[in-house]
């Protein structure tokens, strides 16, 4: 008795190659073409969008100025030349949006409105995040009279509010 061998029905899997992303893109300009990298195109588009937002007044650009502190003009120029990002300095309880406060960094001063999106140097945006983190954790390592840690004032802390004249 002869047995028939079954033929394999497994089909061959074709190898699919990943698409190659061009490292340079040729952009026609007039009669000649200019070769640009994707990073250059991205930076150019970002600059155009930011310029349009600042020009229409949607976003205000914050500029540092010198003060009476020695070398403050150097630091003002340094911060103004840094890459800009859109950031918002959060308002605190009871504070109105748009209230401007001075931000001093190495003598250079900028008036930044709180609660409003502004175009600031990247180091200033990082300092907003650090400020929120620091103010949220201040006093957490101090033992309080209730036997816990931290000096938070709750609704029930009438004695503490009276002692602090709040």
C-alpha atoms as a PDB file:
ATOM      1  CA  UNK A   1       0.000   0.000   0.000  1.00  0.00           C
ATOM      2  CA  UNK A   2       1.531   3.149  -1.117  1.00  0.00           C
ATOM      3  CA  UNK A   3       0.943   6.290   0.847  1.00  0.00           C
ATOM      4  CA  UNK A   4       0.877   9.642  -0.747  1.00  0.00           C
ATOM      5  CA  UNK A   5       3.024  12.278   0.762  1.00  0.00           C
ATOM      6  CA  UNK A   6       1.247  15.504   1.341  1.00  0.00           C
ATOM      7  CA  UNK A   7       2.817  18.483  -0.231  1.00  0.00           C
ATOM      8  CA  UNK A   8       3.718  21.301   2.060  1.00  0.00           C
ATOM      9  CA  UNK A   9       1.361  24.216   1.697  1.00  0.00           C
ATOM     10  CA  UNK A  10       3.686  26.671   3.399  1.00  0.00           C
ATOM     11  CA  UNK A  11       4.341  29.532   1.068  1.00  0.00           C
ATOM     12  CA  UNK A  12       7.623  31.289   0.899  1.00  0.00           C
ATOM     13  CA  UNK A  13       7.806  34.484   2.949  1.00  0.00           C
ATOM     14  CA  UNK A  14       9.259  37.315   1.011  1.00  0.00           C
ATOM     15  CA  UNK A  15      11.760  39.457   2.788  1.00  0.00           C
ATOM     16  CA  UNK A  16      10.453  42.990   3.073  1.00  0.00           C
ATOM     17  CA  UNK A  17      13.069  45.650   3.388  1.00  0.00           C
ATOM     18  CA  UNK A  18      12.544  48.703   5.563  1.00  0.00           C
ATOM     19  CA  UNK A  19      12.085  51.943   3.669  1.00  0.00           C
ATOM     20  CA  UNK A  20      15.169  54.063   3.513  1.00  0.00           C
ATOM     21  CA  UNK A  21      14.727  57.580   4.835  1.00  0.00           C
ATOM     22  CA  UNK A  22      16.678  60.057   2.839  1.00  0.00           C
ATOM     23  CA  UNK A  23      19.398  61.839   4.736  1.00  0.00           C
ATOM     24  CA  UNK A  24      19.178  64.772   2.357  1.00  0.00           C
ATOM     25  CA  UNK A  25      16.231  66.134   0.405  1.00  0.00           C
ATOM     26  CA  UNK A  26      16.547  68.009  -2.852  1.00  0.00           C
ATOM     27  CA  UNK A  27      14.322  71.062  -2.919  1.00  0.00           C
ATOM     28  CA  UNK A  28      13.946  72.929  -6.224  1.00  0.00           C
ATOM     29  CA  UNK A  29      14.449  76.669  -5.876  1.00  0.00           C
ATOM     30  CA  UNK A  30      14.021  78.573  -9.125  1.00  0.00           C
ATOM     31  CA  UNK A  31      16.377  77.134 -11.754  1.00  0.00           C
ATOM     32  CA  UNK A  32      18.712  75.426  -9.297  1.00  0.00           C
ATOM     33  CA  UNK A  33      18.005  72.878  -6.571  1.00  0.00           C
ATOM     34  CA  UNK A  34      19.213  73.071  -2.985  1.00  0.00           C
ATOM     35  CA  UNK A  35      20.031  69.963  -0.936  1.00  0.00           C
ATOM     36  CA  UNK A  36      18.724  70.169   2.650  1.00  0.00           C
ATOM     37  CA  UNK A  37      18.768  67.681   5.496  1.00  0.00           C
ATOM     38  CA  UNK A  38      15.498  66.830   7.297  1.00  0.00           C
ATOM     39  CA  UNK A  39      16.832  68.588  10.418  1.00  0.00           C
ATOM     40  CA  UNK A  40      17.344  71.799   8.437  1.00  0.00           C
ATOM     41  CA  UNK A  41      13.821  71.603   7.031  1.00  0.00           C
ATOM     42  CA  UNK A  42      12.380  70.986  10.517  1.00  0.00           C
ATOM     43  CA  UNK A  43      14.328  73.923  12.013  1.00  0.00           C
ATOM     44  CA  UNK A  44      13.218  76.185   9.155  1.00  0.00           C
ATOM     45  CA  UNK A  45       9.548  75.222   9.591  1.00  0.00           C
ATOM     46  CA  UNK A  46       9.762  75.702  13.364  1.00  0.00           C
ATOM     47  CA  UNK A  47      11.284  79.165  12.913  1.00  0.00           C
ATOM     48  CA  UNK A  48       8.512  80.150  10.470  1.00  0.00           C
ATOM     49  CA  UNK A  49       5.754  78.973  12.839  1.00  0.00           C
ATOM     50  CA  UNK A  50       7.285  80.765  15.833  1.00  0.00           C
ATOM     51  CA  UNK A  51       7.792  83.945  13.804  1.00  0.00           C
ATOM     52  CA  UNK A  52       4.148  83.864  12.727  1.00  0.00           C
ATOM     53  CA  UNK A  53       2.895  83.264  16.299  1.00  0.00           C
ATOM     54  CA  UNK A  54       5.016  86.096  17.702  1.00  0.00           C
ATOM     55  CA  UNK A  55       4.092  88.404  14.812  1.00  0.00           C
ATOM     56  CA  UNK A  56       0.347  87.913  15.277  1.00  0.00           C
ATOM     57  CA  UNK A  57       0.575  88.414  19.027  1.00  0.00           C
ATOM     58  CA  UNK A  58      -0.577  84.900  19.967  1.00  0.00           C
ATOM     59  CA  UNK A  59       2.669  84.331  21.865  1.00  0.00           C
ATOM     60  CA  UNK A  60       4.816  87.007  23.471  1.00  0.00           C
ATOM     61  CA  UNK A  61       8.576  86.653  23.326  1.00  0.00           C
ATOM     62  CA  UNK A  62      10.344  87.344  26.610  1.00  0.00           C
ATOM     63  CA  UNK A  63      13.652  89.209  26.333  1.00  0.00           C
ATOM     64  CA  UNK A  64      16.263  89.611  29.048  1.00  0.00           C
ATOM     65  CA  UNK A  65      17.748  93.039  29.736  1.00  0.00           C
ATOM     66  CA  UNK A  66      20.782  94.181  31.678  1.00  0.00           C
ATOM     67  CA  UNK A  67      20.602  95.485  35.230  1.00  0.00           C
ATOM     68  CA  UNK A  68      23.049  97.249  37.534  1.00  0.00           C
ATOM     69  CA  UNK A  69      24.747  93.947  38.320  1.00  0.00           C
ATOM     70  CA  UNK A  70      28.212  93.652  36.698  1.00  0.00           C
ATOM     71  CA  UNK A  71      28.269  91.461  33.551  1.00  0.00           C
ATOM     72  CA  UNK A  72      24.459  91.364  33.414  1.00  0.00           C
ATOM     73  CA  UNK A  73      24.529  92.597  29.808  1.00  0.00           C
ATOM     74  CA  UNK A  74      26.682  89.582  28.847  1.00  0.00           C
ATOM     75  CA  UNK A  75      24.189  87.172  30.454  1.00  0.00           C
ATOM     76  CA  UNK A  76      21.192  88.983  28.937  1.00  0.00           C
ATOM     77  CA  UNK A  77      22.699  88.540  25.466  1.00  0.00           C
ATOM     78  CA  UNK A  78      23.552  84.914  26.281  1.00  0.00           C
ATOM     79  CA  UNK A  79      19.979  84.076  27.364  1.00  0.00           C
ATOM     80  CA  UNK A  80      18.421  85.947  24.436  1.00  0.00           C
ATOM     81  CA  UNK A  81      20.560  83.898  22.025  1.00  0.00           C
ATOM     82  CA  UNK A  82      19.485  80.530  23.532  1.00  0.00           C
ATOM     83  CA  UNK A  83      16.923  78.339  21.729  1.00  0.00           C
ATOM     84  CA  UNK A  84      13.377  79.440  22.532  1.00  0.00           C
ATOM     85  CA  UNK A  85      10.496  77.239  23.702  1.00  0.00           C
ATOM     86  CA  UNK A  86       6.870  77.940  24.549  1.00  0.00           C
ATOM     87  CA  UNK A  87       6.268  77.653  28.295  1.00  0.00           C
ATOM     88  CA  UNK A  88       3.786  78.767  30.929  1.00  0.00           C
ATOM     89  CA  UNK A  89       4.657  79.858  34.447  1.00  0.00           C
ATOM     90  CA  UNK A  90       1.761  78.538  36.522  1.00  0.00           C
ATOM     91  CA  UNK A  91      -0.194  80.958  38.692  1.00  0.00           C
ATOM     92  CA  UNK A  92      -0.550  80.423  42.409  1.00  0.00           C
ATOM     93  CA  UNK A  93      -3.814  80.402  44.377  1.00  0.00           C
ATOM     94  CA  UNK A  94      -5.681  83.681  44.006  1.00  0.00           C
ATOM     95  CA  UNK A  95      -3.224  85.118  41.478  1.00  0.00           C
ATOM     96  CA  UNK A  96      -4.552  86.566  38.248  1.00  0.00           C
ATOM     97  CA  UNK A  97      -3.243  85.317  34.901  1.00  0.00           C
ATOM     98  CA  UNK A  98      -1.044  87.864  33.181  1.00  0.00           C
ATOM     99  CA  UNK A  99       0.542  89.189  36.374  1.00  0.00           C
ATOM    100  CA  UNK A 100       4.166  89.816  35.398  1.00  0.00           C
ATOM    101  CA  UNK A 101       6.992  89.069  37.793  1.00  0.00           C
ATOM    102  CA  UNK A 102      10.708  89.694  37.378  1.00  0.00           C
ATOM    103  CA  UNK A 103      12.920  86.696  36.750  1.00  0.00           C
ATOM    104  CA  UNK A 104      16.571  87.369  37.549  1.00  0.00           C
ATOM    105  CA  UNK A 105      19.294  85.071  36.279  1.00  0.00           C
ATOM    106  CA  UNK A 106      22.928  86.061  36.799  1.00  0.00           C
ATOM    107  CA  UNK A 107      21.938  89.721  36.908  1.00  0.00           C
ATOM    108  CA  UNK A 108      19.899  89.676  33.703  1.00  0.00           C
ATOM    109  CA  UNK A 109      16.221  90.493  34.242  1.00  0.00           C
ATOM    110  CA  UNK A 110      13.072  89.528  32.323  1.00  0.00           C
ATOM    111  CA  UNK A 111       9.477  90.322  33.235  1.00  0.00           C
ATOM    112  CA  UNK A 112       7.461  87.161  32.651  1.00  0.00           C
ATOM    113  CA  UNK A 113       3.656  87.045  32.913  1.00  0.00           C
ATOM    114  CA  UNK A 114       2.258  84.145  34.942  1.00  0.00           C
ATOM    115  CA  UNK A 115      -0.469  81.893  33.582  1.00  0.00           C
ATOM    116  CA  UNK A 116       0.197  82.932  29.971  1.00  0.00           C
ATOM    117  CA  UNK A 117       2.060  81.004  27.284  1.00  0.00           C
ATOM    118  CA  UNK A 118       5.251  82.857  26.362  1.00  0.00           C
ATOM    119  CA  UNK A 119       8.310  82.228  24.239  1.00  0.00           C
ATOM    120  CA  UNK A 120      11.290  81.953  26.601  1.00  0.00           C
ATOM    121  CA  UNK A 121      14.848  80.598  26.474  1.00  0.00           C
ATOM    122  CA  UNK A 122      14.993  76.849  27.172  1.00  0.00           C
ATOM    123  CA  UNK A 123      16.832  77.333  30.484  1.00  0.00           C
ATOM    124  CA  UNK A 124      13.994  79.521  31.772  1.00  0.00           C
ATOM    125  CA  UNK A 125      11.400  76.867  30.897  1.00  0.00           C
ATOM    126  CA  UNK A 126      13.453  74.325  32.883  1.00  0.00           C
ATOM    127  CA  UNK A 127      13.601  76.735  35.825  1.00  0.00           C
ATOM    128  CA  UNK A 128       9.753  76.967  35.825  1.00  0.00           C
ATOM    129  CA  UNK A 129       9.588  73.196  36.353  1.00  0.00           C
ATOM    130  CA  UNK A 130      12.260  73.297  39.068  1.00  0.00           C
ATOM    131  CA  UNK A 131      10.448  76.161  40.837  1.00  0.00           C
ATOM    132  CA  UNK A 132       7.176  74.203  40.965  1.00  0.00           C
ATOM    133  CA  UNK A 133       8.987  71.107  42.250  1.00  0.00           C
ATOM    134  CA  UNK A 134      10.857  73.048  44.929  1.00  0.00           C
ATOM    135  CA  UNK A 135       7.876  75.046  46.185  1.00  0.00           C
ATOM    136  CA  UNK A 136       5.795  71.877  46.360  1.00  0.00           C
ATOM    137  CA  UNK A 137       8.336  70.110  48.555  1.00  0.00           C
ATOM    138  CA  UNK A 138       9.450  72.949  50.859  1.00  0.00           C
ATOM    139  CA  UNK A 139       9.091  72.030  54.505  1.00  0.00           C
ATOM    140  CA  UNK A 140       8.394  68.326  53.964  1.00  0.00           C
ATOM    141  CA  UNK A 141      11.432  67.428  56.075  1.00  0.00           C
ATOM    142  CA  UNK A 142      10.360  69.555  59.074  1.00  0.00           C
ATOM    143  CA  UNK A 143       8.588  67.736  61.935  1.00  0.00           C
ATOM    144  CA  UNK A 144       5.276  69.375  62.831  1.00  0.00           C
ATOM    145  CA  UNK A 145       3.337  69.548  66.116  1.00  0.00           C
ATOM    146  CA  UNK A 146       0.818  66.967  64.920  1.00  0.00           C
ATOM    147  CA  UNK A 147       3.497  64.244  64.989  1.00  0.00           C
ATOM    148  CA  UNK A 148       3.951  64.120  61.228  1.00  0.00           C
ATOM    149  CA  UNK A 149       6.294  65.740  58.745  1.00  0.00           C
ATOM    150  CA  UNK A 150       5.634  68.903  56.750  1.00  0.00           C
ATOM    151  CA  UNK A 151       4.247  72.321  57.486  1.00  0.00           C
ATOM    152  CA  UNK A 152       1.152  72.361  55.308  1.00  0.00           C
ATOM    153  CA  UNK A 153      -1.802  74.506  56.365  1.00  0.00           C
ATOM    154  CA  UNK A 154      -5.167  72.806  56.068  1.00  0.00           C
ATOM    155  CA  UNK A 155      -8.692  74.084  56.610  1.00  0.00           C
ATOM    156  CA  UNK A 156      -8.695  72.691  60.156  1.00  0.00           C
ATOM    157  CA  UNK A 157      -5.444  74.371  61.261  1.00  0.00           C
ATOM    158  CA  UNK A 158      -7.005  77.436  62.947  1.00  0.00           C
ATOM    159  CA  UNK A 159      -4.191  77.697  65.509  1.00  0.00           C
ATOM    160  CA  UNK A 160      -1.491  77.586  62.827  1.00  0.00           C
ATOM    161  CA  UNK A 161      -3.322  80.153  60.691  1.00  0.00           C
ATOM    162  CA  UNK A 162      -3.655  82.440  63.698  1.00  0.00           C
ATOM    163  CA  UNK A 163       0.033  82.050  64.568  1.00  0.00           C
ATOM    164  CA  UNK A 164       1.026  82.952  60.990  1.00  0.00           C
ATOM    165  CA  UNK A 165      -1.486  85.832  60.827  1.00  0.00           C
ATOM    166  CA  UNK A 166      -3.348  84.280  57.878  1.00  0.00           C
END
